N, C-alpha and C. Protein backbone atom coordinates (compact mmCIF):
# COMPACT_ATOMS: atom_id res chain seq x y z
N MET A 1 4.17 11.20 24.40
CA MET A 1 4.56 10.89 23.67
C MET A 1 3.62 10.63 22.06
N LYS A 2 3.65 10.67 21.32
CA LYS A 2 2.95 10.47 20.04
C LYS A 2 3.16 8.78 19.77
N PRO A 3 2.11 8.23 19.35
CA PRO A 3 2.52 6.64 18.84
C PRO A 3 3.34 6.83 17.85
N VAL A 4 4.13 5.40 17.20
CA VAL A 4 4.60 5.28 16.00
C VAL A 4 3.95 5.27 15.23
N PRO A 5 4.10 6.61 14.19
CA PRO A 5 3.10 6.09 12.96
C PRO A 5 3.17 4.77 11.95
N SER A 6 2.13 4.47 11.64
CA SER A 6 2.22 3.13 10.39
C SER A 6 2.66 3.44 8.94
N LEU A 7 3.43 2.72 8.71
CA LEU A 7 4.41 2.94 7.49
C LEU A 7 3.59 2.21 6.23
N ASP A 8 3.70 2.45 4.99
CA ASP A 8 3.39 1.54 3.91
C ASP A 8 4.59 0.92 3.70
N LEU A 9 4.72 -0.17 2.95
CA LEU A 9 6.23 -0.65 2.37
C LEU A 9 6.84 0.00 1.78
N ALA A 10 6.77 1.13 0.84
CA ALA A 10 7.37 2.17 0.11
C ALA A 10 8.26 2.74 1.12
N GLU A 11 7.37 3.48 2.03
CA GLU A 11 7.83 4.35 3.39
C GLU A 11 9.32 3.92 4.17
N GLU A 12 8.43 2.51 4.42
CA GLU A 12 9.50 1.57 5.18
C GLU A 12 11.04 1.25 4.45
N LEU A 13 11.00 1.23 3.11
CA LEU A 13 12.09 0.86 2.39
C LEU A 13 12.76 2.26 2.52
N ILE A 14 12.12 3.41 2.04
CA ILE A 14 12.82 4.47 2.05
C ILE A 14 13.90 5.04 3.40
N LEU A 15 13.17 4.67 4.77
CA LEU A 15 13.64 4.76 5.76
C LEU A 15 14.87 3.87 5.88
N LEU A 16 14.72 2.65 5.44
CA LEU A 16 16.01 1.70 5.62
C LEU A 16 17.16 2.13 4.53
N ALA A 17 17.09 2.94 3.73
CA ALA A 17 17.57 3.02 2.51
C ALA A 17 18.62 4.46 3.13
N LEU A 18 17.91 5.51 3.95
CA LEU A 18 18.58 6.26 4.44
C LEU A 18 19.65 6.43 5.69
N ASP A 19 20.46 6.77 5.68
CA ASP A 19 21.79 6.99 6.49
C ASP A 19 21.02 8.01 7.83
N ASP A 20 21.16 7.22 8.96
CA ASP A 20 20.47 8.01 9.89
C ASP A 20 21.14 9.31 10.18
N GLU A 21 22.30 9.33 10.32
CA GLU A 21 23.07 10.73 10.32
C GLU A 21 23.53 11.74 9.32
N THR A 22 23.72 11.54 8.07
CA THR A 22 23.43 12.02 7.07
C THR A 22 22.60 12.38 6.17
N GLY A 23 21.23 11.41 6.34
CA GLY A 23 20.10 11.74 5.28
C GLY A 23 20.11 11.21 4.25
N ARG A 24 21.25 10.68 3.69
CA ARG A 24 21.70 10.27 2.17
C ARG A 24 21.55 8.90 2.13
N LEU A 25 21.41 8.72 0.69
CA LEU A 25 21.00 7.44 0.80
C LEU A 25 22.38 6.20 1.15
N VAL A 26 22.17 5.35 1.74
CA VAL A 26 23.13 4.35 2.30
C VAL A 26 24.52 3.90 1.03
N ARG A 27 23.85 3.75 0.02
CA ARG A 27 24.75 3.56 -1.16
C ARG A 27 24.25 4.21 -2.41
N GLY A 28 25.35 4.21 -3.66
CA GLY A 28 24.32 4.79 -4.85
C GLY A 28 24.93 3.68 -5.98
N GLY A 29 25.09 4.38 -7.26
CA GLY A 29 25.11 3.78 -8.11
C GLY A 29 23.95 2.55 -8.46
N THR A 30 24.20 1.09 -8.71
CA THR A 30 23.44 0.16 -9.02
C THR A 30 22.51 -0.30 -8.04
N ALA A 31 23.14 0.15 -6.79
CA ALA A 31 21.95 0.04 -5.54
C ALA A 31 20.90 0.90 -5.52
N VAL A 32 21.16 2.14 -5.81
CA VAL A 32 19.92 2.64 -6.03
C VAL A 32 18.96 2.53 -6.96
N ALA A 33 19.56 1.88 -8.16
CA ALA A 33 18.37 1.16 -9.14
C ALA A 33 17.64 0.34 -8.54
N ALA A 34 18.55 -0.43 -7.56
CA ALA A 34 17.87 -1.66 -7.12
C ALA A 34 16.52 -1.18 -6.11
N LEU A 35 17.01 -0.09 -5.58
CA LEU A 35 16.12 0.35 -4.52
C LEU A 35 14.89 0.98 -5.28
N ASP A 36 14.91 1.53 -6.73
CA ASP A 36 14.17 1.84 -7.29
C ASP A 36 12.57 0.99 -7.91
N ARG A 37 13.58 -0.26 -7.95
CA ARG A 37 13.04 -1.49 -8.70
C ARG A 37 12.05 -1.81 -7.57
N ALA A 38 12.86 -2.18 -6.13
CA ALA A 38 11.95 -2.12 -4.76
C ALA A 38 11.08 -1.49 -4.79
N VAL A 39 10.77 -0.19 -4.72
CA VAL A 39 10.16 1.13 -4.53
C VAL A 39 8.93 0.58 -5.07
N ALA A 40 9.35 0.17 -6.50
CA ALA A 40 8.15 0.09 -7.60
C ALA A 40 7.82 -1.06 -7.38
N ALA A 41 8.11 -2.17 -6.75
CA ALA A 41 7.52 -3.49 -6.32
C ALA A 41 6.67 -3.75 -5.53
N ALA A 42 7.08 -2.19 -4.12
CA ALA A 42 6.25 -2.11 -3.30
C ALA A 42 5.16 -1.41 -3.13
N LEU A 43 4.83 -0.51 -4.60
CA LEU A 43 3.72 -0.14 -4.53
C LEU A 43 2.90 -0.94 -5.30
N LEU A 44 3.21 -2.03 -5.52
CA LEU A 44 2.40 -3.00 -6.50
C LEU A 44 1.96 -4.03 -5.43
N MET A 45 2.87 -4.09 -4.68
CA MET A 45 2.28 -5.07 -3.28
C MET A 45 1.57 -4.75 -2.30
N GLN A 46 1.33 -3.13 -2.23
CA GLN A 46 0.54 -2.52 -1.25
C GLN A 46 -0.68 -2.51 -2.14
N LEU A 47 -0.76 -2.44 -3.47
CA LEU A 47 -2.45 -2.62 -4.12
C LEU A 47 -2.79 -4.01 -4.11
N ALA A 48 -1.83 -5.23 -3.91
CA ALA A 48 -2.10 -6.54 -3.60
C ALA A 48 -2.72 -6.52 -2.65
N LEU A 49 -2.24 -6.07 -1.42
CA LEU A 49 -2.29 -6.71 0.18
C LEU A 49 -3.99 -5.95 0.23
N ALA A 50 -4.26 -4.93 -0.64
CA ALA A 50 -5.44 -4.25 -0.67
C ALA A 50 -6.40 -4.75 -1.09
N HIS A 51 -6.11 -5.77 -1.91
CA HIS A 51 -7.16 -6.48 -3.04
C HIS A 51 -7.52 -5.77 -4.09
N ARG A 52 -6.56 -4.80 -5.02
CA ARG A 52 -7.06 -3.80 -5.96
C ARG A 52 -6.39 -4.33 -7.11
N ILE A 53 -5.17 -5.50 -7.16
CA ILE A 53 -4.53 -5.95 -8.22
C ILE A 53 -4.59 -7.54 -7.76
N ASP A 54 -4.03 -7.94 -8.66
CA ASP A 54 -3.61 -9.19 -8.84
C ASP A 54 -2.64 -9.71 -9.84
N THR A 55 -1.86 -10.90 -9.94
CA THR A 55 -1.05 -10.84 -10.80
C THR A 55 -0.44 -12.60 -11.38
N ASP A 56 -0.36 -12.84 -12.57
CA ASP A 56 -0.42 -14.20 -12.96
C ASP A 56 0.69 -14.10 -13.47
N ALA A 57 1.11 -15.57 -14.40
CA ALA A 57 2.57 -15.57 -14.98
C ALA A 57 2.69 -14.66 -16.17
N THR A 58 1.49 -13.78 -16.84
CA THR A 58 1.39 -13.14 -18.12
C THR A 58 1.13 -11.41 -17.83
N HIS A 59 0.24 -11.35 -16.78
CA HIS A 59 -0.12 -9.95 -16.61
C HIS A 59 -0.66 -9.35 -14.97
N VAL A 60 -0.60 -8.31 -15.00
CA VAL A 60 -0.85 -7.69 -13.89
C VAL A 60 -2.56 -7.30 -14.11
N PHE A 61 -3.44 -7.51 -13.40
CA PHE A 61 -4.66 -6.98 -13.92
C PHE A 61 -5.40 -6.44 -12.29
N VAL A 62 -6.22 -5.25 -12.68
CA VAL A 62 -7.35 -4.45 -11.60
C VAL A 62 -8.49 -5.38 -11.37
N ILE A 63 -8.42 -5.87 -9.60
CA ILE A 63 -9.46 -6.18 -9.43
C ILE A 63 -10.57 -5.18 -8.66
N SER A 64 -10.18 -3.77 -8.40
CA SER A 64 -11.05 -3.17 -8.14
C SER A 64 -10.20 -1.67 -8.21
N PRO A 65 -11.00 -0.71 -8.88
CA PRO A 65 -10.13 0.40 -9.27
C PRO A 65 -10.09 1.28 -7.89
N GLU A 66 -10.79 1.21 -6.91
CA GLU A 66 -11.25 2.06 -5.76
C GLU A 66 -10.14 2.63 -5.01
N PRO A 67 -9.55 3.49 -4.87
CA PRO A 67 -8.33 4.16 -4.25
C PRO A 67 -8.08 3.42 -2.84
N ILE A 68 -7.17 3.11 -2.42
CA ILE A 68 -6.80 2.93 -1.37
C ILE A 68 -6.31 4.02 -0.15
N GLY A 69 -6.11 5.05 -0.43
CA GLY A 69 -5.55 6.20 0.21
C GLY A 69 -3.85 6.41 0.15
N ILE A 70 -2.85 5.89 -0.25
CA ILE A 70 -1.93 6.04 -0.58
C ILE A 70 -1.98 6.34 -1.93
N THR A 71 -1.31 7.67 -1.74
CA THR A 71 -1.33 8.66 -3.16
C THR A 71 -0.44 7.83 -4.05
N LEU A 72 0.70 7.30 -3.76
CA LEU A 72 1.69 7.02 -5.06
C LEU A 72 0.99 5.75 -5.58
N ALA A 73 0.44 4.87 -4.80
CA ALA A 73 -0.07 3.54 -5.09
C ALA A 73 -1.06 3.88 -5.62
N ASP A 74 -2.21 4.69 -5.44
CA ASP A 74 -3.50 5.19 -6.44
C ASP A 74 -2.92 5.45 -7.49
N GLU A 75 -1.86 6.33 -7.51
CA GLU A 75 -1.80 6.44 -9.03
C GLU A 75 -1.30 5.77 -9.93
N VAL A 76 -0.58 4.98 -9.57
CA VAL A 76 -0.26 3.27 -9.93
C VAL A 76 -1.29 2.62 -10.28
N LEU A 77 -2.15 2.43 -9.56
CA LEU A 77 -3.77 1.79 -9.58
C LEU A 77 -4.41 2.24 -10.87
N ASP A 78 -4.42 3.72 -10.66
CA ASP A 78 -5.04 4.00 -12.11
C ASP A 78 -4.44 4.08 -13.67
N GLU A 79 -3.21 4.11 -13.16
CA GLU A 79 -2.48 3.85 -14.35
C GLU A 79 -2.22 2.26 -15.05
N ILE A 80 -2.52 1.26 -14.27
CA ILE A 80 -2.82 0.09 -14.45
C ILE A 80 -4.20 -0.16 -15.07
N ALA A 81 -5.13 0.80 -14.31
CA ALA A 81 -6.75 0.55 -14.73
C ALA A 81 -6.52 0.89 -16.44
N ARG A 82 -6.02 1.96 -16.51
CA ARG A 82 -5.97 3.09 -17.84
C ARG A 82 -5.13 1.91 -19.17
N SER A 83 -4.36 1.36 -18.56
CA SER A 83 -3.52 0.53 -19.56
C SER A 83 -4.75 -0.50 -20.57
N THR A 84 -3.81 -0.35 -21.60
CA THR A 84 -4.51 -1.32 -22.89
C THR A 84 -4.21 -2.39 -23.36
N GLU A 85 -2.75 -2.54 -22.31
CA GLU A 85 -2.01 -3.97 -22.73
C GLU A 85 -1.91 -4.79 -21.26
N ALA A 86 -1.91 -6.05 -21.87
CA ALA A 86 -1.43 -7.14 -20.78
C ALA A 86 -0.26 -7.18 -20.49
N ALA A 87 0.20 -6.75 -19.47
CA ALA A 87 2.03 -6.92 -19.26
C ALA A 87 1.74 -7.99 -17.55
N PRO A 88 3.30 -8.21 -17.62
CA PRO A 88 3.64 -8.99 -16.35
C PRO A 88 4.35 -8.02 -15.66
N SER A 89 4.09 -8.56 -14.26
CA SER A 89 5.04 -7.69 -13.50
C SER A 89 6.25 -7.19 -13.33
N SER A 90 6.95 -7.87 -14.20
CA SER A 90 8.10 -7.38 -14.70
C SER A 90 7.88 -6.17 -15.23
N HIS A 91 6.85 -5.94 -16.52
CA HIS A 91 6.92 -4.65 -17.14
C HIS A 91 6.86 -3.50 -16.29
N TRP A 92 5.55 -3.90 -15.30
CA TRP A 92 5.30 -2.51 -14.22
C TRP A 92 6.79 -2.61 -13.45
N VAL A 93 7.02 -3.37 -12.91
CA VAL A 93 8.58 -3.12 -12.04
C VAL A 93 9.39 -1.87 -12.59
N GLN A 94 9.52 -2.19 -14.09
CA GLN A 94 10.65 -1.78 -14.58
C GLN A 94 9.90 -0.29 -15.28
N ARG A 95 8.95 -0.28 -15.77
CA ARG A 95 8.22 0.95 -15.77
C ARG A 95 7.98 2.00 -14.78
N LEU A 96 7.48 1.56 -13.70
CA LEU A 96 7.44 2.24 -12.50
C LEU A 96 8.88 2.73 -11.99
N SER A 97 9.89 2.02 -12.07
CA SER A 97 11.17 2.32 -11.43
C SER A 97 12.14 3.41 -12.64
N LEU A 98 11.38 3.48 -13.58
CA LEU A 98 12.16 4.92 -14.25
C LEU A 98 11.66 5.98 -13.49
N ARG A 99 10.50 6.06 -13.00
CA ARG A 99 10.73 7.30 -11.89
C ARG A 99 11.18 7.18 -10.56
N GLY A 100 12.00 6.43 -10.36
CA GLY A 100 12.71 6.14 -9.18
C GLY A 100 12.89 7.53 -8.26
N ASP A 101 13.80 8.27 -9.06
CA ASP A 101 13.91 9.63 -8.55
C ASP A 101 12.78 10.88 -7.85
N GLN A 102 11.70 10.12 -8.87
CA GLN A 102 10.37 11.07 -8.29
C GLN A 102 9.73 10.46 -7.09
N HIS A 103 9.55 9.11 -7.60
CA HIS A 103 9.23 8.33 -5.96
C HIS A 103 9.85 8.23 -4.85
N ARG A 104 11.00 8.81 -5.21
CA ARG A 104 12.26 8.70 -3.74
C ARG A 104 11.84 10.34 -3.13
N ALA A 105 11.61 10.90 -4.13
CA ALA A 105 11.60 12.58 -3.33
C ALA A 105 10.42 12.65 -2.96
N ARG A 106 9.17 11.93 -3.53
CA ARG A 106 7.65 12.19 -2.76
C ARG A 106 7.57 11.37 -1.71
N LEU A 107 8.49 10.32 -1.33
CA LEU A 107 8.14 9.38 -0.33
C LEU A 107 8.95 10.21 0.93
N ILE A 108 10.38 10.86 0.49
CA ILE A 108 10.84 11.78 1.17
C ILE A 108 9.92 12.64 2.12
N ALA A 109 9.26 13.51 0.93
CA ALA A 109 8.30 14.50 1.43
C ALA A 109 7.46 14.01 2.36
N GLN A 110 6.95 13.11 1.83
CA GLN A 110 5.66 12.54 2.65
C GLN A 110 6.03 12.63 4.18
N LEU A 111 7.49 11.50 4.43
CA LEU A 111 7.69 11.49 5.51
C LEU A 111 8.39 12.88 6.67
N VAL A 112 8.88 13.64 5.94
CA VAL A 112 8.88 15.09 6.16
C VAL A 112 7.79 15.31 7.06
N GLU A 113 6.64 15.49 5.97
CA GLU A 113 4.98 16.17 6.44
C GLU A 113 4.44 15.37 7.69
N ARG A 114 4.88 14.12 7.91
CA ARG A 114 4.39 13.17 8.54
C ARG A 114 5.62 13.45 10.08
N GLY A 115 6.23 14.23 10.13
CA GLY A 115 6.99 14.40 11.14
C GLY A 115 7.86 13.40 11.36
N ILE A 116 8.39 12.44 10.51
CA ILE A 116 8.99 11.60 10.61
C ILE A 116 10.93 11.39 10.39
N LEU A 117 10.84 12.58 8.89
CA LEU A 117 12.30 12.97 8.49
C LEU A 117 11.83 14.50 8.31
N LYS A 118 13.22 15.20 8.48
CA LYS A 118 13.33 16.60 8.74
C LYS A 118 14.25 17.05 7.63
N GLU A 119 14.06 18.45 6.82
CA GLU A 119 15.15 18.61 5.56
C GLU A 119 16.14 19.56 6.61
N VAL A 120 17.50 19.38 6.44
CA VAL A 120 18.30 19.79 6.85
C VAL A 120 19.09 20.81 6.19
N ASP A 121 19.15 21.87 6.27
CA ASP A 121 19.79 22.95 5.70
C ASP A 121 19.63 23.43 4.13
N GLN A 122 18.21 22.84 3.91
CA GLN A 122 17.67 23.29 2.96
C GLN A 122 17.92 22.85 1.78
N ARG A 123 18.80 21.56 2.02
CA ARG A 123 19.44 20.32 0.94
C ARG A 123 18.79 19.33 0.89
N LEU A 124 19.34 18.65 0.05
CA LEU A 124 18.60 17.23 0.04
C LEU A 124 19.58 16.17 0.64
N MET A 125 19.66 16.62 1.84
CA MET A 125 19.83 16.02 2.86
C MET A 125 18.70 15.70 4.33
N TRP A 126 18.64 14.35 4.59
CA TRP A 126 17.56 13.89 5.56
C TRP A 126 17.95 13.43 6.66
N VAL A 127 17.45 13.42 8.00
CA VAL A 127 18.06 12.84 8.97
C VAL A 127 16.67 12.56 9.73
N LEU A 128 16.42 11.48 10.83
CA LEU A 128 15.61 10.85 11.33
C LEU A 128 15.40 12.34 12.39
N ARG A 129 13.76 12.65 12.58
CA ARG A 129 13.76 13.97 13.36
C ARG A 129 14.20 13.69 14.90
N GLN A 130 14.59 14.93 15.58
CA GLN A 130 15.17 14.93 16.95
C GLN A 130 14.11 15.07 17.33
N ARG A 131 13.71 14.07 18.78
CA ARG A 131 12.56 14.26 20.00
C ARG A 131 13.06 15.94 20.86
N ALA A 132 12.09 15.87 21.90
CA ALA A 132 12.54 16.97 22.46
C ALA A 132 13.81 16.95 23.81
N TYR A 133 14.20 15.71 23.28
CA TYR A 133 15.56 15.79 24.02
C TYR A 133 16.48 15.08 23.02
N PRO A 134 18.14 15.07 23.33
CA PRO A 134 19.09 15.33 22.65
C PRO A 134 19.53 13.87 21.60
N GLN A 135 18.57 12.87 22.02
CA GLN A 135 18.63 11.70 20.88
C GLN A 135 17.57 12.20 19.72
N ALA A 136 18.07 11.33 18.77
CA ALA A 136 17.37 11.45 17.56
C ALA A 136 16.14 10.68 17.69
N ASP A 137 14.79 11.00 16.96
CA ASP A 137 13.53 10.01 17.19
C ASP A 137 13.62 9.47 16.25
N GLY A 138 14.18 8.24 16.23
CA GLY A 138 14.02 7.28 14.75
C GLY A 138 13.24 6.28 15.21
N ARG A 139 12.15 6.52 16.09
CA ARG A 139 11.04 5.20 16.45
C ARG A 139 10.62 4.66 15.15
N ALA A 140 10.33 5.23 14.28
CA ALA A 140 9.47 4.72 13.46
C ALA A 140 10.51 3.76 12.75
N GLU A 141 11.92 4.18 12.18
CA GLU A 141 12.94 3.29 11.42
C GLU A 141 13.22 2.02 12.27
N GLN A 142 13.02 2.14 13.92
CA GLN A 142 13.87 1.18 14.64
C GLN A 142 12.27 0.65 14.80
N GLU A 143 10.99 0.79 14.84
CA GLU A 143 9.94 -0.12 14.71
C GLU A 143 10.07 -1.16 13.76
N VAL A 144 10.46 -0.69 12.56
CA VAL A 144 10.78 -1.58 11.29
C VAL A 144 11.81 -2.32 11.37
N ARG A 145 13.13 -1.94 11.84
CA ARG A 145 14.01 -2.83 12.29
C ARG A 145 13.76 -3.91 12.90
N ASN A 146 13.00 -3.74 14.44
CA ASN A 146 12.94 -4.54 15.41
C ASN A 146 11.90 -5.53 14.68
N ARG A 147 10.97 -5.38 14.00
CA ARG A 147 10.22 -6.00 13.40
C ARG A 147 10.69 -6.99 12.57
N ILE A 148 11.68 -6.47 11.49
CA ILE A 148 12.25 -7.22 10.84
C ILE A 148 13.51 -8.54 11.80
N ILE A 149 14.05 -7.99 12.58
CA ILE A 149 14.98 -8.82 13.39
C ILE A 149 14.08 -9.76 14.30
N GLU A 150 13.12 -9.26 14.76
CA GLU A 150 12.11 -10.60 15.57
C GLU A 150 11.63 -11.63 14.36
N LEU A 151 11.22 -10.98 13.48
CA LEU A 151 10.59 -12.31 12.50
C LEU A 151 12.02 -13.13 12.19
N LEU A 152 13.08 -12.64 11.95
CA LEU A 152 14.27 -13.79 11.60
C LEU A 152 14.72 -14.42 13.08
N ARG A 153 14.51 -14.28 14.12
CA ARG A 153 14.78 -14.83 15.39
C ARG A 153 14.00 -15.80 15.54
N ASN A 154 12.90 -15.76 15.17
CA ASN A 154 11.55 -16.88 15.54
C ASN A 154 11.13 -17.41 14.27
N ASP A 155 10.39 -18.59 14.78
CA ASP A 155 9.55 -19.28 13.68
C ASP A 155 7.96 -19.10 13.40
N GLU A 156 7.72 -17.89 13.79
CA GLU A 156 6.35 -17.46 13.51
C GLU A 156 6.08 -17.21 12.24
N ILE A 157 4.77 -17.20 11.70
CA ILE A 157 4.51 -17.01 10.49
C ILE A 157 4.11 -15.47 10.45
N PRO A 158 4.67 -14.59 9.85
CA PRO A 158 4.50 -13.41 9.77
C PRO A 158 3.30 -12.86 8.89
N THR A 159 2.72 -11.81 8.88
CA THR A 159 1.75 -11.22 8.26
C THR A 159 2.29 -11.05 6.90
N ALA A 160 0.98 -10.98 6.15
CA ALA A 160 1.17 -11.11 4.62
C ALA A 160 2.19 -9.48 4.00
N HIS A 161 1.87 -8.43 4.95
CA HIS A 161 2.83 -7.28 4.73
C HIS A 161 4.01 -7.80 5.24
N ASP A 162 4.60 -7.96 6.34
CA ASP A 162 5.98 -8.24 6.83
C ASP A 162 6.60 -9.88 6.05
N ALA A 163 6.09 -10.78 5.67
CA ALA A 163 6.77 -11.49 4.45
C ALA A 163 7.01 -10.52 3.11
N LEU A 164 6.16 -9.79 2.80
CA LEU A 164 6.32 -8.86 1.61
C LEU A 164 7.74 -8.15 1.76
N LEU A 165 7.63 -7.38 2.81
CA LEU A 165 8.62 -6.73 3.14
C LEU A 165 9.85 -7.05 3.11
N ILE A 166 10.22 -8.52 3.80
CA ILE A 166 11.37 -9.15 3.96
C ILE A 166 11.77 -9.24 2.40
N GLY A 167 10.85 -10.01 1.54
CA GLY A 167 11.18 -10.02 0.26
C GLY A 167 11.96 -8.97 -0.46
N LEU A 168 11.00 -7.71 -0.22
CA LEU A 168 11.76 -6.25 -0.79
C LEU A 168 12.91 -6.14 -0.15
N VAL A 169 13.14 -5.68 1.36
CA VAL A 169 14.39 -5.93 1.65
C VAL A 169 15.58 -6.41 1.32
N ASP A 170 15.36 -7.47 0.97
CA ASP A 170 16.51 -8.62 0.55
C ASP A 170 16.66 -8.43 -1.08
N ALA A 171 15.55 -8.07 -2.02
CA ALA A 171 15.76 -7.97 -3.10
C ALA A 171 16.81 -6.44 -3.45
N ALA A 172 16.23 -5.73 -2.27
CA ALA A 172 16.60 -4.02 -2.55
C ALA A 172 18.44 -4.29 -1.98
N GLY A 173 18.64 -5.65 -1.18
CA GLY A 173 19.99 -5.57 -0.70
C GLY A 173 20.07 -4.44 0.74
N LEU A 174 19.15 -4.25 1.07
CA LEU A 174 19.19 -3.65 2.49
C LEU A 174 19.33 -4.26 3.72
N PHE A 175 19.65 -5.67 3.67
CA PHE A 175 19.41 -6.23 5.03
C PHE A 175 20.99 -5.96 5.75
N HIS A 176 21.83 -5.56 4.92
CA HIS A 176 23.22 -5.10 5.53
C HIS A 176 22.99 -4.07 6.37
N GLU A 177 22.09 -3.21 6.29
CA GLU A 177 21.71 -2.01 7.27
C GLU A 177 20.79 -2.20 8.40
N VAL A 178 20.02 -3.43 8.39
CA VAL A 178 19.60 -4.33 9.39
C VAL A 178 20.46 -5.11 10.63
N ILE A 179 21.04 -6.04 9.58
CA ILE A 179 21.96 -6.89 10.73
C ILE A 179 23.42 -6.60 10.27
N ASP A 180 24.22 -7.65 10.86
CA ASP A 180 25.65 -7.50 10.61
C ASP A 180 25.81 -8.78 9.64
N HIS A 181 27.15 -8.54 9.17
CA HIS A 181 27.01 -10.13 7.95
C HIS A 181 26.82 -11.07 8.41
N ALA A 182 27.84 -11.66 9.53
CA ALA A 182 27.69 -12.78 10.06
C ALA A 182 26.03 -13.09 10.33
N THR A 183 25.29 -12.40 11.09
CA THR A 183 23.84 -12.99 10.99
C THR A 183 23.31 -13.00 10.14
N LEU A 184 23.16 -12.24 8.93
CA LEU A 184 22.67 -12.26 7.44
C LEU A 184 23.03 -13.56 6.79
N ASN A 185 23.82 -14.10 6.94
CA ASN A 185 24.73 -15.69 6.23
C ASN A 185 23.60 -16.47 7.16
N ALA A 186 23.51 -16.17 8.61
CA ALA A 186 22.81 -17.61 9.16
C ALA A 186 21.38 -17.31 9.18
N CYS A 187 20.87 -15.97 9.01
CA CYS A 187 19.22 -15.92 8.44
C CYS A 187 18.72 -16.19 6.99
N ARG A 188 19.93 -16.49 6.16
CA ARG A 188 19.64 -16.84 4.97
C ARG A 188 18.43 -17.77 4.68
N PRO A 189 18.35 -18.81 5.29
CA PRO A 189 17.39 -20.04 5.23
C PRO A 189 16.08 -19.50 5.22
N ARG A 190 16.32 -18.55 6.67
CA ARG A 190 14.95 -18.15 7.13
C ARG A 190 14.27 -16.96 6.43
N ILE A 191 15.13 -16.49 5.42
CA ILE A 191 14.74 -14.97 4.93
C ILE A 191 14.21 -15.53 3.78
N SER A 192 14.89 -16.56 3.34
CA SER A 192 14.35 -17.34 1.52
C SER A 192 13.00 -18.02 1.97
N ARG A 193 12.51 -18.75 3.18
CA ARG A 193 11.41 -19.06 3.57
C ARG A 193 10.13 -18.13 3.79
N ILE A 194 10.65 -17.04 4.46
CA ILE A 194 9.45 -15.95 4.81
C ILE A 194 9.24 -15.36 3.52
N ALA A 195 10.34 -14.75 2.68
CA ALA A 195 10.20 -14.46 1.09
C ALA A 195 9.26 -15.04 0.22
N ASN A 196 9.34 -16.30 0.61
CA ASN A 196 8.68 -17.18 -0.70
C ASN A 196 7.36 -17.36 0.24
N LEU A 197 6.91 -17.16 1.28
CA LEU A 197 5.55 -17.27 1.31
C LEU A 197 4.47 -16.65 0.58
N GLU A 198 4.80 -15.63 -0.12
CA GLU A 198 3.71 -14.82 -0.78
C GLU A 198 3.87 -15.23 -2.16
N GLU A 199 3.01 -15.23 -3.02
CA GLU A 199 3.26 -15.54 -4.32
C GLU A 199 3.82 -14.20 -5.31
N LEU A 200 2.99 -13.10 -4.69
CA LEU A 200 3.31 -11.92 -5.53
C LEU A 200 5.04 -11.54 -5.09
N SER A 201 5.23 -11.71 -3.84
CA SER A 201 6.65 -11.76 -3.24
C SER A 201 7.82 -12.37 -4.17
N ARG A 202 7.43 -13.71 -4.65
CA ARG A 202 8.36 -14.66 -5.29
C ARG A 202 8.70 -14.05 -6.55
N SER A 203 7.15 -13.60 -7.41
CA SER A 203 7.64 -13.33 -8.56
C SER A 203 8.06 -11.98 -8.60
N LEU A 204 7.81 -10.98 -7.98
CA LEU A 204 8.40 -9.48 -7.92
C LEU A 204 9.93 -9.89 -7.53
N ARG A 205 10.18 -10.50 -6.47
CA ARG A 205 11.62 -10.60 -6.15
C ARG A 205 12.36 -11.08 -6.77
N HIS A 206 12.19 -11.90 -7.82
CA HIS A 206 12.54 -12.36 -9.12
C HIS A 206 12.91 -11.68 -10.17
N THR A 207 12.00 -10.67 -10.67
CA THR A 207 11.93 -9.61 -11.28
C THR A 207 12.92 -8.61 -10.79
N ILE A 208 13.00 -8.17 -10.11
CA ILE A 208 13.98 -7.25 -9.21
C ILE A 208 15.21 -7.84 -9.40
N GLN A 209 15.29 -9.08 -9.10
CA GLN A 209 16.81 -9.65 -8.99
C GLN A 209 17.46 -9.48 -11.11
N GLY A 210 16.45 -10.00 -11.45
CA GLY A 210 16.88 -10.31 -12.70
C GLY A 210 17.28 -8.74 -13.40
N LEU A 211 16.37 -7.71 -13.29
CA LEU A 211 16.70 -6.25 -13.23
C LEU A 211 18.20 -5.72 -12.94
N GLN A 212 18.12 -6.27 -11.44
CA GLN A 212 19.21 -5.79 -11.11
C GLN A 212 20.92 -6.17 -11.89
N ARG A 213 20.44 -7.68 -11.98
CA ARG A 213 21.97 -8.18 -12.71
C ARG A 213 21.94 -7.33 -14.14
N GLY A 214 20.72 -7.04 -14.81
CA GLY A 214 21.01 -6.55 -16.13
C GLY A 214 21.45 -5.28 -16.10
N VAL A 215 21.21 -4.44 -15.01
CA VAL A 215 21.76 -3.30 -14.66
C VAL A 215 23.19 -3.34 -14.61
N ILE A 216 23.68 -4.29 -13.65
CA ILE A 216 24.97 -4.67 -13.22
C ILE A 216 25.75 -5.05 -14.39
N ALA A 217 25.02 -6.20 -15.15
CA ALA A 217 25.73 -6.55 -16.55
C ALA A 217 26.16 -5.11 -17.26
N ALA A 218 25.05 -4.00 -17.62
CA ALA A 218 25.32 -2.65 -18.67
C ALA A 218 26.30 -1.78 -17.81
N ASN A 219 26.80 -1.89 -16.79
CA ASN A 219 27.62 -0.78 -16.01
C ASN A 219 28.82 -1.53 -15.42
N PRO A 220 29.75 -2.46 -16.14
CA PRO A 220 30.87 -3.22 -15.80
C PRO A 220 31.65 -2.13 -14.98
């Protein structure tokens, strides 16, 4: 059996956002807008983890323009490097989220190419790839779920990647896809502590939540 593939932050978000059986996004409307902003934030966070960008209260800036080998993130890095305006993380989250449809389609295509998802009936419907026996091979998604659940159950300090992922899942409203409502309420203090471990997670999490409120207000 092949090892479970390593995923980047945006790929992990997409896996959690797709229904295991139908392959469709678990929710629509404003929830998709929140996911698009979380994916945008994930691309920025991936660059920060690789020490390619940094952020302060007023703008995002490039530390190194060297690609990290993740196509979407490298395109964002190049775009930031070529930008002539000093803009905060909120600007980049909003700007990148406008390409949400494109980002989702490309991330799904990547996961199909890697054998984690498969296309069904030549339509925009995706399911976790089946293994050699009847069960669906959801190992990649299950690994993400298990890692998140384990982090919430213990008091260990997570890696920077996992701390950022917790913040993204929370901001995108995807925790209900990982744990039940009662457990989620009980884990709220732990989620907040983890999400606040990383400065970039704090700033982008607030940005995403603020933009999400704006979308909801614009669509009563």
